[in-house]
């Protein structure tokens, strides 16, 4: 990691606050609230994601932000790239015709939706969220893109919890994370 890139990532790491035993015993929650409060740290997240995507993909048609913290990064990143942002929401939050996918949670089921006309077949999309843990939500978002016949270029996140192996569940879709924790 280059000196400047390393320093920028350290700034982000310093703004991620650990909360042991939240939301339940044995879980170490990674809180991005301090990162969002710091305009330099927030801008750094967007700068790093923008630079990565510009270097890797000559064409991106849309950023798709996942409910709800993907909504914090997606529109800003899309604006920087000069493209649109579409929303992937929890069931029942979008008007008009939608496509939906159910997925398993630790205790039960959940459902994600996207408006049926959000993207066209063949359009190139980058999915974004704040965190990749087990990969269930991001995997469901990839399934929604498949239903709409869009091409998922990448699943981008601010934080990846490597020990939960979410990236493995997402194969063959590439995963990019700014910060990784075991």
C-alpha atoms as a PDB file:
ATOM      1  CA  UNK A   1       0.000   0.000   0.000  1.00  0.00           C
ATOM      2  CA  UNK A   2       1.494   3.357  -1.016  1.00  0.00           C
ATOM      3  CA  UNK A   3       2.229   5.925   1.675  1.00  0.00           C
ATOM      4  CA  UNK A   4      -0.601   8.301   0.759  1.00  0.00           C
ATOM      5  CA  UNK A   5      -3.131   5.496   0.259  1.00  0.00           C
ATOM      6  CA  UNK A   6      -2.081   3.931   3.565  1.00  0.00           C
ATOM      7  CA  UNK A   7      -2.504   7.245   5.367  1.00  0.00           C
ATOM      8  CA  UNK A   8      -5.944   7.745   3.855  1.00  0.00           C
ATOM      9  CA  UNK A   9      -7.069   4.270   4.908  1.00  0.00           C
ATOM     10  CA  UNK A  10      -5.686   4.815   8.416  1.00  0.00           C
ATOM     11  CA  UNK A  11      -7.824   7.971   8.645  1.00  0.00           C
ATOM     12  CA  UNK A  12     -10.876   5.853   7.828  1.00  0.00           C
ATOM     13  CA  UNK A  13      -9.883   3.120  10.297  1.00  0.00           C
ATOM     14  CA  UNK A  14      -9.560   5.771  13.021  1.00  0.00           C
ATOM     15  CA  UNK A  15     -13.144   6.872  12.298  1.00  0.00           C
ATOM     16  CA  UNK A  16     -14.679   3.393  12.547  1.00  0.00           C
ATOM     17  CA  UNK A  17     -15.756   2.773  16.131  1.00  0.00           C
ATOM     18  CA  UNK A  18     -15.977  -0.779  17.503  1.00  0.00           C
ATOM     19  CA  UNK A  19     -18.903  -1.709  19.782  1.00  0.00           C
ATOM     20  CA  UNK A  20     -18.486  -5.121  21.458  1.00  0.00           C
ATOM     21  CA  UNK A  21     -21.601  -7.218  22.053  1.00  0.00           C
ATOM     22  CA  UNK A  22     -23.875  -5.160  19.795  1.00  0.00           C
ATOM     23  CA  UNK A  23     -26.565  -5.951  18.711  1.00  0.00           C
ATOM     24  CA  UNK A  24     -26.076  -9.184  20.670  1.00  0.00           C
ATOM     25  CA  UNK A  25     -23.367 -10.881  22.754  1.00  0.00           C
ATOM     26  CA  UNK A  26     -20.340 -12.012  20.770  1.00  0.00           C
ATOM     27  CA  UNK A  27     -20.781  -9.521  17.907  1.00  0.00           C
ATOM     28  CA  UNK A  28     -18.242  -6.725  17.385  1.00  0.00           C
ATOM     29  CA  UNK A  29     -20.206  -3.986  15.607  1.00  0.00           C
ATOM     30  CA  UNK A  30     -18.236  -1.619  13.337  1.00  0.00           C
ATOM     31  CA  UNK A  31     -19.905   1.805  13.602  1.00  0.00           C
ATOM     32  CA  UNK A  32     -19.373   4.241  10.705  1.00  0.00           C
ATOM     33  CA  UNK A  33     -21.143   7.142  12.453  1.00  0.00           C
ATOM     34  CA  UNK A  34     -17.857   8.918  13.367  1.00  0.00           C
ATOM     35  CA  UNK A  35     -16.737   8.564   9.731  1.00  0.00           C
ATOM     36  CA  UNK A  36     -19.949  10.226   8.562  1.00  0.00           C
ATOM     37  CA  UNK A  37     -19.537  13.055  11.097  1.00  0.00           C
ATOM     38  CA  UNK A  38     -16.058  13.885   9.776  1.00  0.00           C
ATOM     39  CA  UNK A  39     -16.319  15.633   6.386  1.00  0.00           C
ATOM     40  CA  UNK A  40     -12.698  14.845   5.519  1.00  0.00           C
ATOM     41  CA  UNK A  41     -13.133  11.140   6.297  1.00  0.00           C
ATOM     42  CA  UNK A  42     -16.428  10.966   4.378  1.00  0.00           C
ATOM     43  CA  UNK A  43     -14.854  12.720   1.387  1.00  0.00           C
ATOM     44  CA  UNK A  44     -11.933  10.295   1.607  1.00  0.00           C
ATOM     45  CA  UNK A  45     -14.294   7.317   1.315  1.00  0.00           C
ATOM     46  CA  UNK A  46     -15.887   8.788  -1.793  1.00  0.00           C
ATOM     47  CA  UNK A  47     -12.505   9.845  -3.246  1.00  0.00           C
ATOM     48  CA  UNK A  48     -11.067   6.341  -2.833  1.00  0.00           C
ATOM     49  CA  UNK A  49     -14.132   4.619  -4.280  1.00  0.00           C
ATOM     50  CA  UNK A  50     -14.245   7.055  -7.193  1.00  0.00           C
ATOM     51  CA  UNK A  51     -10.545   6.570  -8.005  1.00  0.00           C
ATOM     52  CA  UNK A  52     -10.890   2.790  -7.832  1.00  0.00           C
ATOM     53  CA  UNK A  53     -13.937   2.666 -10.107  1.00  0.00           C
ATOM     54  CA  UNK A  54     -12.496   5.121 -12.653  1.00  0.00           C
ATOM     55  CA  UNK A  55      -9.272   3.105 -12.846  1.00  0.00           C
ATOM     56  CA  UNK A  56     -11.021  -0.245 -13.192  1.00  0.00           C
ATOM     57  CA  UNK A  57     -14.108   0.342 -15.345  1.00  0.00           C
ATOM     58  CA  UNK A  58     -14.216   2.426 -18.526  1.00  0.00           C
ATOM     59  CA  UNK A  59     -18.022   2.412 -18.471  1.00  0.00           C
ATOM     60  CA  UNK A  60     -20.451   2.312 -15.556  1.00  0.00           C
ATOM     61  CA  UNK A  61     -24.090   3.125 -16.205  1.00  0.00           C
ATOM     62  CA  UNK A  62     -25.427   3.209 -12.636  1.00  0.00           C
ATOM     63  CA  UNK A  63     -24.505   2.937  -9.001  1.00  0.00           C
ATOM     64  CA  UNK A  64     -27.062   0.888  -7.064  1.00  0.00           C
ATOM     65  CA  UNK A  65     -27.235   1.818  -3.377  1.00  0.00           C
ATOM     66  CA  UNK A  66     -28.438  -0.848  -0.940  1.00  0.00           C
ATOM     67  CA  UNK A  67     -30.936   0.015   1.781  1.00  0.00           C
ATOM     68  CA  UNK A  68     -30.062   1.871   3.856  1.00  0.00           C
ATOM     69  CA  UNK A  69     -26.430   2.872   4.335  1.00  0.00           C
ATOM     70  CA  UNK A  70     -25.648   2.310   0.658  1.00  0.00           C
ATOM     71  CA  UNK A  71     -27.890   5.344   0.175  1.00  0.00           C
ATOM     72  CA  UNK A  72     -25.297   7.482   1.990  1.00  0.00           C
ATOM     73  CA  UNK A  73     -22.469   6.668  -0.409  1.00  0.00           C
ATOM     74  CA  UNK A  74     -24.248   5.758  -3.655  1.00  0.00           C
ATOM     75  CA  UNK A  75     -25.703   9.112  -4.739  1.00  0.00           C
ATOM     76  CA  UNK A  76     -22.529  11.056  -3.905  1.00  0.00           C
ATOM     77  CA  UNK A  77     -20.369   8.547  -5.769  1.00  0.00           C
ATOM     78  CA  UNK A  78     -22.744   8.506  -8.743  1.00  0.00           C
ATOM     79  CA  UNK A  79     -22.710  12.307  -8.876  1.00  0.00           C
ATOM     80  CA  UNK A  80     -18.907  12.299  -8.910  1.00  0.00           C
ATOM     81  CA  UNK A  81     -18.901   9.760 -11.755  1.00  0.00           C
ATOM     82  CA  UNK A  82     -21.538  11.685 -13.713  1.00  0.00           C
ATOM     83  CA  UNK A  83     -24.013   8.786 -13.685  1.00  0.00           C
ATOM     84  CA  UNK A  84     -27.315   7.955 -12.027  1.00  0.00           C
ATOM     85  CA  UNK A  85     -28.004   6.136  -8.792  1.00  0.00           C
ATOM     86  CA  UNK A  86     -30.781   3.577  -8.335  1.00  0.00           C
ATOM     87  CA  UNK A  87     -32.126   2.276  -5.051  1.00  0.00           C
ATOM     88  CA  UNK A  88     -32.444  -1.277  -3.808  1.00  0.00           C
ATOM     89  CA  UNK A  89     -34.891  -1.178  -0.909  1.00  0.00           C
ATOM     90  CA  UNK A  90     -36.504  -3.357   1.675  1.00  0.00           C
ATOM     91  CA  UNK A  91     -39.861  -4.762   0.594  1.00  0.00           C
ATOM     92  CA  UNK A  92     -42.772  -2.350   0.406  1.00  0.00           C
ATOM     93  CA  UNK A  93     -40.759   0.886   0.211  1.00  0.00           C
ATOM     94  CA  UNK A  94     -40.840   1.536  -3.549  1.00  0.00           C
ATOM     95  CA  UNK A  95     -43.841   2.660  -5.606  1.00  0.00           C
ATOM     96  CA  UNK A  96     -44.848   1.175  -8.938  1.00  0.00           C
ATOM     97  CA  UNK A  97     -43.943  -2.204 -10.405  1.00  0.00           C
ATOM     98  CA  UNK A  98     -40.999  -3.877  -8.677  1.00  0.00           C
ATOM     99  CA  UNK A  99     -38.881  -6.991  -8.842  1.00  0.00           C
ATOM    100  CA  UNK A 100     -38.114  -8.710  -5.566  1.00  0.00           C
ATOM    101  CA  UNK A 101     -35.811 -11.356  -4.121  1.00  0.00           C
ATOM    102  CA  UNK A 102     -36.158 -13.141  -0.773  1.00  0.00           C
ATOM    103  CA  UNK A 103     -33.066 -14.094   1.185  1.00  0.00           C
ATOM    104  CA  UNK A 104     -32.236 -15.736   4.472  1.00  0.00           C
ATOM    105  CA  UNK A 105     -31.311 -13.830   7.595  1.00  0.00           C
ATOM    106  CA  UNK A 106     -29.814 -15.390  10.706  1.00  0.00           C
ATOM    107  CA  UNK A 107     -33.342 -15.675  12.111  1.00  0.00           C
ATOM    108  CA  UNK A 108     -35.929 -15.616   9.341  1.00  0.00           C
ATOM    109  CA  UNK A 109     -36.315 -14.149   5.878  1.00  0.00           C
ATOM    110  CA  UNK A 110     -36.044 -10.704   4.317  1.00  0.00           C
ATOM    111  CA  UNK A 111     -36.878  -9.317   0.904  1.00  0.00           C
ATOM    112  CA  UNK A 112     -35.268  -6.675  -1.302  1.00  0.00           C
ATOM    113  CA  UNK A 113     -36.915  -4.833  -4.186  1.00  0.00           C
ATOM    114  CA  UNK A 114     -35.977  -2.623  -7.083  1.00  0.00           C
ATOM    115  CA  UNK A 115     -38.279  -0.784  -9.455  1.00  0.00           C
ATOM    116  CA  UNK A 116     -38.780  -2.846 -12.605  1.00  0.00           C
ATOM    117  CA  UNK A 117     -37.595   0.001 -14.841  1.00  0.00           C
ATOM    118  CA  UNK A 118     -34.577   1.012 -12.715  1.00  0.00           C
ATOM    119  CA  UNK A 119     -32.042  -0.379 -15.189  1.00  0.00           C
ATOM    120  CA  UNK A 120     -32.196  -1.758 -18.706  1.00  0.00           C
ATOM    121  CA  UNK A 121     -30.859  -5.107 -19.915  1.00  0.00           C
ATOM    122  CA  UNK A 122     -27.105  -4.954 -20.479  1.00  0.00           C
ATOM    123  CA  UNK A 123     -26.508  -1.827 -18.395  1.00  0.00           C
ATOM    124  CA  UNK A 124     -23.391  -1.950 -16.236  1.00  0.00           C
ATOM    125  CA  UNK A 125     -23.995  -1.484 -12.512  1.00  0.00           C
ATOM    126  CA  UNK A 126     -21.823  -1.216  -9.403  1.00  0.00           C
ATOM    127  CA  UNK A 127     -23.564  -2.155  -6.147  1.00  0.00           C
ATOM    128  CA  UNK A 128     -22.585  -0.238  -3.018  1.00  0.00           C
ATOM    129  CA  UNK A 129     -23.173  -0.684   0.691  1.00  0.00           C
ATOM    130  CA  UNK A 130     -21.360   0.206   3.891  1.00  0.00           C
ATOM    131  CA  UNK A 131     -20.624  -3.339   5.063  1.00  0.00           C
ATOM    132  CA  UNK A 132     -20.161  -6.843   3.716  1.00  0.00           C
ATOM    133  CA  UNK A 133     -20.625  -9.500   6.389  1.00  0.00           C
ATOM    134  CA  UNK A 134     -22.158 -12.853   5.403  1.00  0.00           C
ATOM    135  CA  UNK A 135     -23.089 -11.530   1.945  1.00  0.00           C
ATOM    136  CA  UNK A 136     -26.812 -12.278   2.090  1.00  0.00           C
ATOM    137  CA  UNK A 137     -28.055  -8.773   1.315  1.00  0.00           C
ATOM    138  CA  UNK A 138     -25.476  -8.130  -1.403  1.00  0.00           C
ATOM    139  CA  UNK A 139     -26.175 -11.540  -2.952  1.00  0.00           C
ATOM    140  CA  UNK A 140     -29.895 -10.704  -3.095  1.00  0.00           C
ATOM    141  CA  UNK A 141     -29.038  -7.372  -4.758  1.00  0.00           C
ATOM    142  CA  UNK A 142     -27.004  -9.252  -7.392  1.00  0.00           C
ATOM    143  CA  UNK A 143     -30.016 -11.518  -7.988  1.00  0.00           C
ATOM    144  CA  UNK A 144     -32.193  -8.452  -8.547  1.00  0.00           C
ATOM    145  CA  UNK A 145     -29.734  -7.187 -11.158  1.00  0.00           C
ATOM    146  CA  UNK A 146     -29.832 -10.605 -12.855  1.00  0.00           C
ATOM    147  CA  UNK A 147     -33.641 -10.421 -12.968  1.00  0.00           C
ATOM    148  CA  UNK A 148     -33.372  -7.079 -14.760  1.00  0.00           C
ATOM    149  CA  UNK A 149     -30.628  -8.518 -17.016  1.00  0.00           C
ATOM    150  CA  UNK A 150     -28.133  -5.857 -15.931  1.00  0.00           C
ATOM    151  CA  UNK A 151     -24.416  -6.588 -15.672  1.00  0.00           C
ATOM    152  CA  UNK A 152     -22.994  -6.370 -12.147  1.00  0.00           C
ATOM    153  CA  UNK A 153     -19.463  -5.033 -12.516  1.00  0.00           C
ATOM    154  CA  UNK A 154     -18.606  -5.101  -8.837  1.00  0.00           C
ATOM    155  CA  UNK A 155     -19.899  -5.127  -5.278  1.00  0.00           C
ATOM    156  CA  UNK A 156     -18.208  -2.247  -3.436  1.00  0.00           C
ATOM    157  CA  UNK A 157     -18.278  -1.712   0.321  1.00  0.00           C
ATOM    158  CA  UNK A 158     -16.577   0.486   2.866  1.00  0.00           C
ATOM    159  CA  UNK A 159     -15.984  -2.379   5.339  1.00  0.00           C
ATOM    160  CA  UNK A 160     -15.602  -6.109   4.750  1.00  0.00           C
ATOM    161  CA  UNK A 161     -15.695  -8.586   7.646  1.00  0.00           C
ATOM    162  CA  UNK A 162     -13.361 -11.177   6.097  1.00  0.00           C
ATOM    163  CA  UNK A 163     -13.979 -13.928   8.658  1.00  0.00           C
ATOM    164  CA  UNK A 164     -17.664 -14.133   7.646  1.00  0.00           C
ATOM    165  CA  UNK A 165     -16.669 -14.961   4.030  1.00  0.00           C
ATOM    166  CA  UNK A 166     -19.302 -12.850   2.297  1.00  0.00           C
ATOM    167  CA  UNK A 167     -17.058 -12.342  -0.738  1.00  0.00           C
ATOM    168  CA  UNK A 168     -16.989 -16.105  -1.307  1.00  0.00           C
ATOM    169  CA  UNK A 169     -20.778 -16.191  -1.385  1.00  0.00           C
ATOM    170  CA  UNK A 170     -20.792 -13.462  -4.049  1.00  0.00           C
ATOM    171  CA  UNK A 171     -18.548 -15.253  -6.547  1.00  0.00           C
ATOM    172  CA  UNK A 172     -18.246 -14.748  -9.494  1.00  0.00           C
ATOM    173  CA  UNK A 173     -18.956 -11.071  -8.781  1.00  0.00           C
ATOM    174  CA  UNK A 174     -15.864  -9.126  -7.735  1.00  0.00           C
ATOM    175  CA  UNK A 175     -15.846  -7.462  -4.320  1.00  0.00           C
ATOM    176  CA  UNK A 176     -13.944  -4.300  -3.457  1.00  0.00           C
ATOM    177  CA  UNK A 177     -13.625  -3.077   0.124  1.00  0.00           C
ATOM    178  CA  UNK A 178     -11.782  -0.089   1.514  1.00  0.00           C
ATOM    179  CA  UNK A 179     -11.301  -1.593   4.984  1.00  0.00           C
ATOM    180  CA  UNK A 180     -11.052  -5.237   5.988  1.00  0.00           C
ATOM    181  CA  UNK A 181     -11.415  -6.758   9.436  1.00  0.00           C
ATOM    182  CA  UNK A 182     -11.127 -10.393  10.536  1.00  0.00           C
END
